[in-house]
């Protein structure tokens, strides 16, 4: 798998990663809770991703919980040195699968330790602090306390780099006053574009932007115009949506998720799709 096929590379922490990565969230059961129906297929997808050249995997120990990281360890450990494993902290799950804020010092410390244990690592490449002032969207609130906890864990050698997730521009600026930010991971796709200005601001500062739910998440993108463009380009609508993101800005790193090998290969093929400007303008108008 060549650099061109995976849409070039970008610095993430201290590793150079291909811009087409993989998100492991869907390897857990329904609602990202409990075990998958087909653990063997989950292992197959992870190994196929690596075989195809992917070297950026996004995960978290609250996927499952614990299950996704345990699958990654089972499938890929010992890890290739070029693989960048990015995890996130500051949430936990109750016994019904609800997402509960967990931003205290003790909760964050435990989360980092559990990520290390379940991934089989002594140090995490990148840990994203997910703001949980609102579970579903960015909301203002100081991140100084939880960031200080992560910086203390970094000083102990448990974390190499710190990123942010579900954050506002104000929170990013607050964080940058305390530490370099390896990446920002927010909700963004062809239909959800409230971070347009932020993406450009981060690109000026050479900070990668990692859109989560790049294909719409639990409610996949649907648009007659998207389908028409895809048909004209002999691609699927989801491939066009991923290609649009790759061409939106060079600092965007993609982590589309899937539990199916064929879907993984289709997502990877999207990195080869070059959208002519006329098509980009049609999609921008959505």
Protein backbone atom coordinates (compact mmCIF):
# COMPACT_ATOMS: atom_id res chain seq x y z
CA UNK A 1 0.00 0.00 0.00
CA UNK A 2 1.59 3.24 -1.12
CA UNK A 3 1.49 6.71 0.31
CA UNK A 4 -0.59 7.89 -2.65
CA UNK A 5 -3.17 5.17 -2.08
CA UNK A 6 -3.59 6.19 1.55
CA UNK A 7 -3.77 9.91 0.73
CA UNK A 8 -0.34 10.96 1.92
CA UNK A 9 0.95 11.31 5.46
CA UNK A 10 0.78 13.71 8.38
CA UNK A 11 2.64 14.02 11.65
CA UNK A 12 0.67 12.69 14.64
CA UNK A 13 2.57 12.97 17.88
CA UNK A 14 6.06 11.83 16.95
CA UNK A 15 4.92 9.41 14.23
CA UNK A 16 4.22 9.92 10.56
CA UNK A 17 0.83 8.37 9.79
CA UNK A 18 -1.16 7.88 6.64
CA UNK A 19 -4.15 10.20 6.42
CA UNK A 20 -6.49 7.22 6.03
CA UNK A 21 -6.66 5.51 9.40
CA UNK A 22 -9.12 3.25 11.16
CA UNK A 23 -11.58 3.80 14.02
CA UNK A 24 -12.12 0.75 16.23
CA UNK A 25 -15.37 1.82 17.92
CA UNK A 26 -17.59 -0.47 15.86
CA UNK A 27 -15.67 -3.56 16.95
CA UNK A 28 -17.68 -3.60 20.20
CA UNK A 29 -21.28 -4.77 20.39
CA UNK A 30 -24.44 -2.77 19.55
CA UNK A 31 -24.32 0.73 20.97
CA UNK A 32 -20.54 0.30 21.46
CA UNK A 33 -21.40 -1.88 24.46
CA UNK A 34 -20.60 -5.50 25.18
CA UNK A 35 -18.79 -7.98 22.96
CA UNK A 36 -19.14 -8.18 19.16
CA UNK A 37 -21.34 -10.83 17.60
CA UNK A 38 -18.35 -12.06 15.61
CA UNK A 39 -15.03 -11.66 17.48
CA UNK A 40 -13.15 -13.59 14.80
CA UNK A 41 -14.26 -11.09 12.17
CA UNK A 42 -13.19 -8.21 14.42
CA UNK A 43 -9.71 -9.74 14.61
CA UNK A 44 -9.72 -10.19 10.83
CA UNK A 45 -10.62 -6.53 10.23
CA UNK A 46 -7.82 -5.28 12.48
CA UNK A 47 -5.21 -7.47 10.84
CA UNK A 48 -6.47 -6.55 7.37
CA UNK A 49 -6.17 -2.84 8.23
CA UNK A 50 -2.51 -3.30 9.11
CA UNK A 51 -1.89 -5.44 6.01
CA UNK A 52 -3.35 -2.64 3.89
CA UNK A 53 -0.86 -0.17 5.33
CA UNK A 54 -2.97 1.62 7.92
CA UNK A 55 -0.79 2.84 10.80
CA UNK A 56 -3.23 5.02 12.78
CA UNK A 57 -5.89 3.30 14.88
CA UNK A 58 -8.29 5.22 17.09
CA UNK A 59 -9.73 3.47 20.13
CA UNK A 60 -10.76 3.87 23.77
CA UNK A 61 -11.09 1.64 26.78
CA UNK A 62 -14.68 2.84 27.24
CA UNK A 63 -15.59 1.10 23.97
CA UNK A 64 -17.14 -2.09 25.23
CA UNK A 65 -15.88 -1.16 27.84
CA UNK A 66 -12.42 -2.74 27.56
CA UNK A 67 -13.42 -5.07 24.71
CA UNK A 68 -12.14 -3.04 21.77
CA UNK A 69 -8.69 -2.58 23.31
CA UNK A 70 -8.52 -6.25 24.22
CA UNK A 71 -9.36 -7.18 20.61
CA UNK A 72 -6.64 -4.84 19.33
CA UNK A 73 -4.11 -6.45 21.66
CA UNK A 74 -5.18 -9.95 20.65
CA UNK A 75 -5.01 -9.13 16.94
CA UNK A 76 -1.93 -6.93 16.70
CA UNK A 77 0.35 -7.26 19.73
CA UNK A 78 3.34 -6.97 19.57
CA UNK A 79 2.67 -3.80 17.59
CA UNK A 80 4.61 -2.58 14.58
CA UNK A 81 6.80 0.35 15.60
CA UNK A 82 5.19 2.65 13.02
CA UNK A 83 1.67 2.02 14.38
CA UNK A 84 0.16 5.00 16.23
CA UNK A 85 -2.53 3.94 18.71
CA UNK A 86 -4.66 6.87 19.81
CA UNK A 87 -7.01 6.46 22.75
CA UNK A 88 -9.30 8.79 24.65
CA UNK A 89 -10.33 9.23 28.28
CA UNK A 90 -12.80 11.09 30.54
CA UNK A 91 -15.90 8.91 30.12
CA UNK A 92 -17.07 5.63 31.58
CA UNK A 93 -20.06 3.32 31.03
CA UNK A 94 -22.72 2.30 33.50
CA UNK A 95 -24.22 -1.20 33.54
CA UNK A 96 -26.77 -0.15 30.89
CA UNK A 97 -24.17 1.27 28.53
CA UNK A 98 -24.84 4.95 29.22
CA UNK A 99 -21.94 7.39 28.79
CA UNK A 100 -20.98 8.96 32.12
CA UNK A 101 -18.51 11.86 32.55
CA UNK A 102 -15.32 10.74 34.29
CA UNK A 103 -13.00 13.76 34.40
CA UNK A 104 -11.70 13.61 37.99
CA UNK A 105 -8.04 12.94 38.76
CA UNK A 106 -8.73 9.44 40.04
CA UNK A 107 -11.00 8.55 37.10
CA UNK A 108 -8.52 9.82 34.49
CA UNK A 109 -5.62 8.03 36.16
CA UNK A 110 -7.56 4.79 36.25
CA UNK A 111 -8.58 5.23 32.60
CA UNK A 112 -4.98 5.67 31.47
CA UNK A 113 -3.88 2.64 33.50
CA UNK A 114 -6.69 0.50 32.05
CA UNK A 115 -5.87 1.57 28.50
CA UNK A 116 -2.25 0.57 29.10
CA UNK A 117 -3.26 -2.77 30.59
CA UNK A 118 -5.81 -3.74 27.96
CA UNK A 119 -3.63 -2.63 25.03
CA UNK A 120 -0.56 -4.29 26.51
CA UNK A 121 1.56 -1.13 26.49
CA UNK A 122 3.93 0.64 28.86
CA UNK A 123 3.22 4.02 27.25
CA UNK A 124 0.31 5.39 25.19
CA UNK A 125 1.19 7.18 21.92
CA UNK A 126 -1.59 9.77 22.12
CA UNK A 127 -4.30 10.25 24.74
CA UNK A 128 -7.21 12.49 23.77
CA UNK A 129 -8.92 14.28 26.63
CA UNK A 130 -12.60 14.26 25.67
CA UNK A 131 -14.50 17.17 27.17
CA UNK A 132 -17.63 15.85 28.86
CA UNK A 133 -19.31 19.09 29.92
CA UNK A 134 -21.88 17.94 27.36
CA UNK A 135 -21.75 14.26 26.45
CA UNK A 136 -22.88 14.81 22.87
CA UNK A 137 -21.33 18.11 21.72
CA UNK A 138 -18.68 20.67 22.66
CA UNK A 139 -19.62 22.84 25.63
CA UNK A 140 -17.61 25.45 27.47
CA UNK A 141 -15.86 24.58 30.70
CA UNK A 142 -12.26 24.71 31.88
CA UNK A 143 -10.02 21.77 31.00
CA UNK A 144 -7.10 22.92 33.16
CA UNK A 145 -7.80 20.40 35.94
CA UNK A 146 -8.06 17.26 33.80
CA UNK A 147 -5.20 18.40 31.56
CA UNK A 148 -3.01 18.84 34.62
CA UNK A 149 -3.77 15.24 35.57
CA UNK A 150 -2.75 14.02 32.11
CA UNK A 151 0.41 16.13 32.21
CA UNK A 152 1.33 14.51 35.52
CA UNK A 153 0.79 11.08 33.96
CA UNK A 154 2.87 12.19 30.98
CA UNK A 155 5.69 13.19 33.36
CA UNK A 156 5.56 9.64 34.75
CA UNK A 157 6.14 8.28 31.25
CA UNK A 158 2.65 6.80 30.77
CA UNK A 159 1.66 9.15 27.92
CA UNK A 160 3.74 10.49 25.02
CA UNK A 161 1.35 13.06 23.56
CA UNK A 162 -1.95 14.70 24.55
CA UNK A 163 -4.82 15.52 22.22
CA UNK A 164 -8.35 16.90 22.65
CA UNK A 165 -11.83 15.74 21.69
CA UNK A 166 -15.33 17.25 21.72
CA UNK A 167 -13.87 20.69 22.39
CA UNK A 168 -14.50 24.35 21.64
CA UNK A 169 -11.96 26.83 20.24
CA UNK A 170 -11.72 28.44 23.68
CA UNK A 171 -10.81 25.09 25.25
CA UNK A 172 -8.19 24.44 22.57
CA UNK A 173 -6.55 27.79 23.27
CA UNK A 174 -6.64 27.07 27.01
CA UNK A 175 -4.95 23.72 26.39
CA UNK A 176 -2.28 25.20 24.11
CA UNK A 177 -1.25 27.50 26.96
CA UNK A 178 -0.48 24.37 29.00
CA UNK A 179 0.83 21.82 26.50
CA UNK A 180 1.34 21.07 22.80
CA UNK A 181 -1.82 19.51 21.35
CA UNK A 182 -1.18 16.45 19.17
CA UNK A 183 -4.61 16.50 17.50
CA UNK A 184 -8.20 17.67 17.83
CA UNK A 185 -11.00 15.15 17.37
CA UNK A 186 -14.48 16.65 16.88
CA UNK A 187 -17.72 15.75 15.12
CA UNK A 188 -17.45 16.79 11.47
CA UNK A 189 -18.55 15.48 8.09
CA UNK A 190 -20.10 16.58 4.83
CA UNK A 191 -23.37 17.46 6.57
CA UNK A 192 -22.06 18.65 9.97
CA UNK A 193 -19.69 21.52 9.26
CA UNK A 194 -19.74 23.81 12.28
CA UNK A 195 -15.97 23.33 12.68
CA UNK A 196 -15.09 24.77 9.25
CA UNK A 197 -13.30 27.82 10.65
CA UNK A 198 -11.62 25.74 13.37
CA UNK A 199 -10.15 23.30 10.84
CA UNK A 200 -8.53 26.18 8.98
CA UNK A 201 -7.23 27.70 12.25
CA UNK A 202 -5.68 24.38 13.26
CA UNK A 203 -4.12 23.90 9.83
CA UNK A 204 -2.34 27.24 10.22
CA UNK A 205 -0.84 25.85 13.44
CA UNK A 206 0.01 22.45 11.94
CA UNK A 207 -2.37 20.60 14.30
CA UNK A 208 -4.15 17.55 12.83
CA UNK A 209 -7.95 17.52 12.86
CA UNK A 210 -9.56 14.09 13.18
CA UNK A 211 -13.29 14.09 12.40
CA UNK A 212 -15.26 11.50 14.30
CA UNK A 213 -18.43 10.19 12.69
CA UNK A 214 -16.97 11.10 9.25
CA UNK A 215 -19.84 9.16 7.65
CA UNK A 216 -22.55 10.37 10.02
CA UNK A 217 -22.08 7.88 12.84
CA UNK A 218 -25.23 6.14 14.05
CA UNK A 219 -27.29 7.98 11.38
CA UNK A 220 -25.29 7.52 8.14
CA UNK A 221 -25.18 10.38 5.66
CA UNK A 222 -27.99 10.44 3.12
CA UNK A 223 -28.39 12.95 0.31
CA UNK A 224 -29.78 12.74 -3.19
CA UNK A 225 -27.00 15.03 -4.42
CA UNK A 226 -24.33 12.93 -2.72
CA UNK A 227 -25.79 9.81 -4.32
CA UNK A 228 -25.89 11.52 -7.73
CA UNK A 229 -22.25 12.60 -7.48
CA UNK A 230 -21.25 9.10 -6.40
CA UNK A 231 -23.08 7.54 -9.33
CA UNK A 232 -21.39 9.90 -11.79
CA UNK A 233 -17.97 9.04 -10.33
CA UNK A 234 -18.65 5.26 -10.18
CA UNK A 235 -18.12 5.28 -6.42
CA UNK A 236 -20.29 4.78 -3.37
CA UNK A 237 -21.77 7.77 -1.51
CA UNK A 238 -19.66 6.94 1.55
CA UNK A 239 -16.48 6.84 -0.54
CA UNK A 240 -17.30 10.26 -1.94
CA UNK A 241 -17.96 11.59 1.58
CA UNK A 242 -14.55 10.34 2.73
CA UNK A 243 -12.79 11.68 -0.35
CA UNK A 244 -14.40 15.07 0.24
CA UNK A 245 -12.97 15.13 3.76
CA UNK A 246 -9.47 14.26 2.53
CA UNK A 247 -9.65 17.11 0.02
CA UNK A 248 -11.25 19.52 2.50
CA UNK A 249 -7.94 20.23 4.25
CA UNK A 250 -4.48 18.61 4.36
CA UNK A 251 -4.54 18.49 8.18
CA UNK A 252 -7.56 16.14 8.25
CA UNK A 253 -6.85 12.56 9.33
CA UNK A 254 -9.64 10.04 8.77
CA UNK A 255 -10.66 7.21 11.10
CA UNK A 256 -13.74 5.61 9.49
CA UNK A 257 -14.83 2.56 11.43
CA UNK A 258 -16.29 -0.75 10.40
CA UNK A 259 -16.50 -4.33 11.60
CA UNK A 260 -16.60 -5.78 8.08
CA UNK A 261 -13.56 -6.53 5.89
CA UNK A 262 -15.27 -5.55 2.63
CA UNK A 263 -16.35 -2.22 4.10
CA UNK A 264 -12.81 -1.57 5.33
CA UNK A 265 -11.43 -2.10 1.82
CA UNK A 266 -14.09 0.18 0.36
CA UNK A 267 -13.14 2.92 2.83
CA UNK A 268 -9.47 2.55 1.95
CA UNK A 269 -10.31 2.81 -1.76
CA UNK A 270 -11.85 6.23 -1.04
CA UNK A 271 -8.30 7.54 -0.50
CA UNK A 272 -7.65 6.95 -4.22
CA UNK A 273 -10.68 8.99 -5.31
CA UNK A 274 -9.88 12.48 -6.57
CA UNK A 275 -12.96 14.72 -6.73
CA UNK A 276 -12.93 17.27 -9.56
CA UNK A 277 -13.52 20.84 -8.37
CA UNK A 278 -16.98 20.98 -9.93
CA UNK A 279 -18.06 18.03 -7.80
CA UNK A 280 -16.53 19.53 -4.68
CA UNK A 281 -18.57 22.68 -5.24
CA UNK A 282 -21.73 20.64 -5.59
CA UNK A 283 -20.97 18.84 -2.33
CA UNK A 284 -20.00 22.07 -0.56
CA UNK A 285 -23.48 23.38 -1.33
CA UNK A 286 -25.19 20.60 0.62
